[in-house]
Amino acid sequence: MSLINTEIKPFKAQALKSGQFIEVSDADLKGKWSVVFFYPADFTFVCPTELEDLADNYAEFQKLGVEIYSVSTDTHFAHKAWHDTSDAVKKINYTMVGDPTGTISRNFGVMIEEAGLADRGTFVIDPSGKIQIVEITAGGIGRDANELLRKVKAAQYVAAHPGEVCPAKWKEGEKTLAPSLDLVGKI
């Protein structure tokens, strides 16, 4: 079953944000655009490269009014230890959510039950709490924050401009399409 346009399910979890432990819930994702970025585990290989890439681009997401929540099945304590010991992870200023019970991972359909870990899943959630983008990749394939930024901008554009859609490779400021009978067979 597709999660596109479904509302996020309720959750509460402990997280690390700016060196402090905080509680995060589904309510925190409502009222603004959010990215929920699942990764398999702390202290691994591809994961810190992805999280560092997001950290390096966090200011750009913030300019768009987007908050980032990285999530793994590790605890918030493990996130703190990793944050304190990894040069890549030390750069992170966004929220790192602990999901040791796997509740959030199951809610988003990315739990690898036999491993107790989450797939690499990326979800863009609109201010009403509905999922607008879903991307899940195999464990060995790292994601790109710049491509995610492009997709977020497209989702925000489409939300703000009913009746318009963004074609392939669309970038902010480029021409969009207004689907109509006149376009059928002409693209």
C-alpha atoms as a PDB file:
ATOM      1  CA  MET A   1       0.000   0.000   0.000  1.00  0.00           C
ATOM      2  CA  SER A   2       1.328   3.418  -0.928  1.00  0.00           C
ATOM      3  CA  LEU A   3       1.951   5.940   1.828  1.00  0.00           C
ATOM      4  CA  ILE A   4       1.614   8.918  -0.538  1.00  0.00           C
ATOM      5  CA  ASN A   5      -1.010  11.382   0.769  1.00  0.00           C
ATOM      6  CA  THR A   6      -1.536   9.376   3.952  1.00  0.00           C
ATOM      7  CA  GLU A   7      -1.301  11.063   7.334  1.00  0.00           C
ATOM      8  CA  ILE A   8       1.648  10.151   9.533  1.00  0.00           C
ATOM      9  CA  LYS A   9       0.796   7.796  12.381  1.00  0.00           C
ATOM     10  CA  PRO A  10       1.110   8.848  16.031  1.00  0.00           C
ATOM     11  CA  PHE A  11       4.454   8.335  17.775  1.00  0.00           C
ATOM     12  CA  LYS A  12       6.543   9.643  20.667  1.00  0.00           C
ATOM     13  CA  ALA A  13      10.284   9.198  20.940  1.00  0.00           C
ATOM     14  CA  GLN A  14      13.420  10.487  22.597  1.00  0.00           C
ATOM     15  CA  ALA A  15      15.835  12.425  20.424  1.00  0.00           C
ATOM     16  CA  LEU A  16      19.064  14.406  20.391  1.00  0.00           C
ATOM     17  CA  LYS A  17      18.895  18.038  19.244  1.00  0.00           C
ATOM     18  CA  SER A  18      21.698  20.558  19.687  1.00  0.00           C
ATOM     19  CA  GLY A  19      23.360  18.444  22.379  1.00  0.00           C
ATOM     20  CA  GLN A  20      20.173  18.074  24.423  1.00  0.00           C
ATOM     21  CA  PHE A  21      17.733  15.211  24.839  1.00  0.00           C
ATOM     22  CA  ILE A  22      14.193  16.117  23.813  1.00  0.00           C
ATOM     23  CA  GLU A  23      10.914  14.331  23.204  1.00  0.00           C
ATOM     24  CA  VAL A  24       9.584  14.298  19.642  1.00  0.00           C
ATOM     25  CA  SER A  25       6.112  13.278  18.479  1.00  0.00           C
ATOM     26  CA  ASP A  26       4.036  13.254  15.320  1.00  0.00           C
ATOM     27  CA  ALA A  27       2.621  16.628  16.431  1.00  0.00           C
ATOM     28  CA  ASP A  28       6.096  18.183  15.958  1.00  0.00           C
ATOM     29  CA  LEU A  29       5.952  17.319  12.250  1.00  0.00           C
ATOM     30  CA  LYS A  30       2.690  19.168  11.683  1.00  0.00           C
ATOM     31  CA  GLY A  31       2.420  22.836  10.773  1.00  0.00           C
ATOM     32  CA  LYS A  32       5.594  22.892   8.686  1.00  0.00           C
ATOM     33  CA  TRP A  33       7.358  20.853   6.017  1.00  0.00           C
ATOM     34  CA  SER A  34       9.427  17.990   7.412  1.00  0.00           C
ATOM     35  CA  VAL A  35      11.866  15.394   6.159  1.00  0.00           C
ATOM     36  CA  VAL A  36      12.018  12.086   8.029  1.00  0.00           C
ATOM     37  CA  PHE A  37      15.268  10.406   7.060  1.00  0.00           C
ATOM     38  CA  PHE A  38      15.610   6.767   8.171  1.00  0.00           C
ATOM     39  CA  TYR A  39      19.008   5.054   8.197  1.00  0.00           C
ATOM     40  CA  PRO A  40      20.054   1.586   9.403  1.00  0.00           C
ATOM     41  CA  ALA A  41      22.420   2.242  12.312  1.00  0.00           C
ATOM     42  CA  ASP A  42      24.809   4.532  14.142  1.00  0.00           C
ATOM     43  CA  PHE A  43      28.553   3.813  13.952  1.00  0.00           C
ATOM     44  CA  THR A  44      28.322   2.411  10.427  1.00  0.00           C
ATOM     45  CA  PHE A  45      29.641   3.317   6.972  1.00  0.00           C
ATOM     46  CA  VAL A  46      27.215   4.850   4.457  1.00  0.00           C
ATOM     47  CA  CYS A  47      25.037   6.389   7.201  1.00  0.00           C
ATOM     48  CA  PRO A  48      27.503   9.042   8.430  1.00  0.00           C
ATOM     49  CA  THR A  49      28.168  10.189   4.859  1.00  0.00           C
ATOM     50  CA  GLU A  50      24.446  10.738   4.307  1.00  0.00           C
ATOM     51  CA  LEU A  51      23.900  12.444   7.657  1.00  0.00           C
ATOM     52  CA  GLU A  52      26.903  14.709   7.074  1.00  0.00           C
ATOM     53  CA  ASP A  53      25.553  15.623   3.623  1.00  0.00           C
ATOM     54  CA  LEU A  54      22.239  16.608   5.249  1.00  0.00           C
ATOM     55  CA  ALA A  55      24.125  18.562   7.931  1.00  0.00           C
ATOM     56  CA  ASP A  56      26.087  20.430   5.252  1.00  0.00           C
ATOM     57  CA  ASN A  57      22.786  21.383   3.563  1.00  0.00           C
ATOM     58  CA  TYR A  58      20.660  21.900   6.683  1.00  0.00           C
ATOM     59  CA  ALA A  59      20.681  25.713   6.344  1.00  0.00           C
ATOM     60  CA  GLU A  60      19.188  25.385   2.849  1.00  0.00           C
ATOM     61  CA  PHE A  61      16.379  23.185   4.177  1.00  0.00           C
ATOM     62  CA  GLN A  62      15.786  25.683   6.995  1.00  0.00           C
ATOM     63  CA  LYS A  63      15.475  28.530   4.447  1.00  0.00           C
ATOM     64  CA  LEU A  64      12.601  26.541   2.919  1.00  0.00           C
ATOM     65  CA  GLY A  65      10.957  26.146   6.335  1.00  0.00           C
ATOM     66  CA  VAL A  66      11.823  22.447   6.430  1.00  0.00           C
ATOM     67  CA  GLU A  67      12.841  20.572   9.569  1.00  0.00           C
ATOM     68  CA  ILE A  68      14.871  17.368   9.330  1.00  0.00           C
ATOM     69  CA  TYR A  69      14.452  14.338  11.583  1.00  0.00           C
ATOM     70  CA  SER A  70      16.953  11.520  11.124  1.00  0.00           C
ATOM     71  CA  VAL A  71      15.748   8.222  12.595  1.00  0.00           C
ATOM     72  CA  SER A  72      17.430   4.900  13.348  1.00  0.00           C
ATOM     73  CA  THR A  73      16.576   2.054  15.679  1.00  0.00           C
ATOM     74  CA  ASP A  74      19.432   3.129  17.967  1.00  0.00           C
ATOM     75  CA  THR A  75      18.691   4.984  21.212  1.00  0.00           C
ATOM     76  CA  HIS A  76      19.091   8.702  21.745  1.00  0.00           C
ATOM     77  CA  PHE A  77      22.049   7.781  23.997  1.00  0.00           C
ATOM     78  CA  ALA A  78      23.790   6.053  21.071  1.00  0.00           C
ATOM     79  CA  HIS A  79      23.099   9.139  18.923  1.00  0.00           C
ATOM     80  CA  LYS A  80      24.812  11.299  21.567  1.00  0.00           C
ATOM     81  CA  ALA A  81      27.860   9.011  21.755  1.00  0.00           C
ATOM     82  CA  TRP A  82      28.144   8.938  17.963  1.00  0.00           C
ATOM     83  CA  HIS A  83      27.676  12.713  17.752  1.00  0.00           C
ATOM     84  CA  ASP A  84      30.479  13.202  20.279  1.00  0.00           C
ATOM     85  CA  THR A  85      32.939  10.864  18.535  1.00  0.00           C
ATOM     86  CA  SER A  86      32.412  11.239  14.776  1.00  0.00           C
ATOM     87  CA  ASP A  87      33.679  14.316  12.914  1.00  0.00           C
ATOM     88  CA  ALA A  88      30.954  13.804  10.276  1.00  0.00           C
ATOM     89  CA  VAL A  89      28.105  13.387  12.764  1.00  0.00           C
ATOM     90  CA  LYS A  90      29.398  16.252  14.958  1.00  0.00           C
ATOM     91  CA  LYS A  91      28.190  18.648  12.237  1.00  0.00           C
ATOM     92  CA  ILE A  92      24.536  17.687  12.797  1.00  0.00           C
ATOM     93  CA  ASN A  93      22.228  20.377  14.187  1.00  0.00           C
ATOM     94  CA  TYR A  94      18.950  18.724  13.165  1.00  0.00           C
ATOM     95  CA  THR A  95      17.024  16.274  15.340  1.00  0.00           C
ATOM     96  CA  MET A  96      18.316  12.694  15.649  1.00  0.00           C
ATOM     97  CA  VAL A  97      15.434  10.466  16.753  1.00  0.00           C
ATOM     98  CA  GLY A  98      15.908   7.169  18.584  1.00  0.00           C
ATOM     99  CA  ASP A  99      13.521   4.369  17.616  1.00  0.00           C
ATOM    100  CA  PRO A 100      14.719   1.356  19.657  1.00  0.00           C
ATOM    101  CA  THR A 101      11.247  -0.237  19.662  1.00  0.00           C
ATOM    102  CA  GLY A 102      10.928   0.143  15.884  1.00  0.00           C
ATOM    103  CA  THR A 103       7.518   1.813  16.214  1.00  0.00           C
ATOM    104  CA  ILE A 104       8.353   4.757  13.957  1.00  0.00           C
ATOM    105  CA  SER A 105      10.145   2.540  11.437  1.00  0.00           C
ATOM    106  CA  ARG A 106       7.091   0.267  11.283  1.00  0.00           C
ATOM    107  CA  ASN A 107       4.743   3.281  10.977  1.00  0.00           C
ATOM    108  CA  PHE A 108       6.630   4.345   7.855  1.00  0.00           C
ATOM    109  CA  GLY A 109       6.993   0.797   6.493  1.00  0.00           C
ATOM    110  CA  VAL A 110      10.806   0.683   6.557  1.00  0.00           C
ATOM    111  CA  MET A 111      11.467  -1.792   9.382  1.00  0.00           C
ATOM    112  CA  ILE A 112      13.672  -4.746   8.452  1.00  0.00           C
ATOM    113  CA  GLU A 113      12.191  -7.123  11.017  1.00  0.00           C
ATOM    114  CA  GLU A 114      14.842  -9.838  10.880  1.00  0.00           C
ATOM    115  CA  ALA A 115      17.638  -7.293  11.435  1.00  0.00           C
ATOM    116  CA  GLY A 116      15.881  -4.890  13.817  1.00  0.00           C
ATOM    117  CA  LEU A 117      17.048  -2.025  11.593  1.00  0.00           C
ATOM    118  CA  ALA A 118      15.411   0.516   9.288  1.00  0.00           C
ATOM    119  CA  ASP A 119      15.816   0.666   5.524  1.00  0.00           C
ATOM    120  CA  ARG A 120      17.167   3.875   3.989  1.00  0.00           C
ATOM    121  CA  GLY A 121      13.843   5.644   3.715  1.00  0.00           C
ATOM    122  CA  THR A 122      13.212   9.306   2.981  1.00  0.00           C
ATOM    123  CA  PHE A 123       9.801  10.856   3.561  1.00  0.00           C
ATOM    124  CA  VAL A 124       8.741  14.442   2.882  1.00  0.00           C
ATOM    125  CA  ILE A 125       5.746  15.479   4.956  1.00  0.00           C
ATOM    126  CA  ASP A 126       3.627  18.546   4.239  1.00  0.00           C
ATOM    127  CA  PRO A 127       2.353  20.922   6.951  1.00  0.00           C
ATOM    128  CA  SER A 128      -0.929  18.991   7.277  1.00  0.00           C
ATOM    129  CA  GLY A 129       1.028  15.868   8.251  1.00  0.00           C
ATOM    130  CA  LYS A 130       0.565  14.063   4.932  1.00  0.00           C
ATOM    131  CA  ILE A 131       3.373  12.218   3.173  1.00  0.00           C
ATOM    132  CA  GLN A 132       4.174  13.757  -0.226  1.00  0.00           C
ATOM    133  CA  ILE A 133       7.433  11.984  -1.153  1.00  0.00           C
ATOM    134  CA  VAL A 134       8.616   8.451  -0.403  1.00  0.00           C
ATOM    135  CA  GLU A 135      12.012   7.110  -1.412  1.00  0.00           C
ATOM    136  CA  ILE A 136      13.471   3.844  -0.168  1.00  0.00           C
ATOM    137  CA  THR A 137      16.889   2.626  -1.260  1.00  0.00           C
ATOM    138  CA  ALA A 138      18.947  -0.492  -0.631  1.00  0.00           C
ATOM    139  CA  GLY A 139      21.393  -0.421   2.265  1.00  0.00           C
ATOM    140  CA  GLY A 140      24.478   0.130   0.142  1.00  0.00           C
ATOM    141  CA  ILE A 141      23.108   3.122  -1.789  1.00  0.00           C
ATOM    142  CA  GLY A 142      23.652   6.541  -0.229  1.00  0.00           C
ATOM    143  CA  ARG A 143      21.287   9.435  -0.858  1.00  0.00           C
ATOM    144  CA  ASP A 144      22.018  12.990  -2.032  1.00  0.00           C
ATOM    145  CA  ALA A 145      20.821  16.031  -0.029  1.00  0.00           C
ATOM    146  CA  ASN A 146      20.873  18.266  -3.121  1.00  0.00           C
ATOM    147  CA  GLU A 147      18.469  15.955  -4.950  1.00  0.00           C
ATOM    148  CA  LEU A 148      16.274  15.881  -1.848  1.00  0.00           C
ATOM    149  CA  LEU A 149      16.302  19.706  -1.766  1.00  0.00           C
ATOM    150  CA  ARG A 150      15.157  19.758  -5.402  1.00  0.00           C
ATOM    151  CA  LYS A 151      12.299  17.369  -4.635  1.00  0.00           C
ATOM    152  CA  VAL A 152      11.221  19.361  -1.563  1.00  0.00           C
ATOM    153  CA  LYS A 153      11.144  22.557  -3.651  1.00  0.00           C
ATOM    154  CA  ALA A 154       9.015  20.769  -6.259  1.00  0.00           C
ATOM    155  CA  ALA A 155       6.612  19.464  -3.591  1.00  0.00           C
ATOM    156  CA  GLN A 156       6.317  22.940  -2.081  1.00  0.00           C
ATOM    157  CA  TYR A 157       5.752  24.485  -5.518  1.00  0.00           C
ATOM    158  CA  VAL A 158       3.008  22.019  -6.443  1.00  0.00           C
ATOM    159  CA  ALA A 159       1.329  22.547  -3.052  1.00  0.00           C
ATOM    160  CA  ALA A 160       1.368  26.330  -3.536  1.00  0.00           C
ATOM    161  CA  HIS A 161       0.272  26.226  -7.199  1.00  0.00           C
ATOM    162  CA  PRO A 162      -2.769  23.963  -7.646  1.00  0.00           C
ATOM    163  CA  GLY A 163      -3.182  22.863 -11.244  1.00  0.00           C
ATOM    164  CA  GLU A 164       0.545  22.938 -11.996  1.00  0.00           C
ATOM    165  CA  VAL A 165       3.035  20.069 -12.003  1.00  0.00           C
ATOM    166  CA  CYS A 166       6.827  19.915 -12.137  1.00  0.00           C
ATOM    167  CA  PRO A 167       8.351  17.955 -15.033  1.00  0.00           C
ATOM    168  CA  ALA A 168      11.451  15.752 -14.830  1.00  0.00           C
ATOM    169  CA  LYS A 169      14.623  17.536 -13.724  1.00  0.00           C
ATOM    170  CA  TRP A 170      12.590  20.609 -12.746  1.00  0.00           C
ATOM    171  CA  LYS A 171      14.543  23.176 -10.777  1.00  0.00           C
ATOM    172  CA  GLU A 172      13.261  26.217  -8.925  1.00  0.00           C
ATOM    173  CA  GLY A 173      12.385  29.013 -11.350  1.00  0.00           C
ATOM    174  CA  GLU A 174      12.010  26.736 -14.365  1.00  0.00           C
ATOM    175  CA  LYS A 175       8.837  26.243 -16.356  1.00  0.00           C
ATOM    176  CA  THR A 176       6.137  23.980 -14.982  1.00  0.00           C
ATOM    177  CA  LEU A 177       3.213  22.309 -16.736  1.00  0.00           C
ATOM    178  CA  ALA A 178      -0.520  22.826 -16.420  1.00  0.00           C
ATOM    179  CA  PRO A 179      -2.041  19.463 -17.357  1.00  0.00           C
ATOM    180  CA  SER A 180      -4.856  19.822 -19.848  1.00  0.00           C
ATOM    181  CA  LEU A 181      -6.397  18.170 -22.860  1.00  0.00           C
ATOM    182  CA  ASP A 182      -4.266  20.489 -25.041  1.00  0.00           C
ATOM    183  CA  LEU A 183      -1.063  18.832 -23.776  1.00  0.00           C
ATOM    184  CA  VAL A 184      -2.137  15.232 -24.421  1.00  0.00           C
ATOM    185  CA  GLY A 185       0.276  13.714 -26.926  1.00  0.00           C
ATOM    186  CA  LYS A 186       2.241  16.942 -27.351  1.00  0.00           C
ATOM    187  CA  ILE A 187       4.982  16.409 -24.792  1.00  0.00           C
END
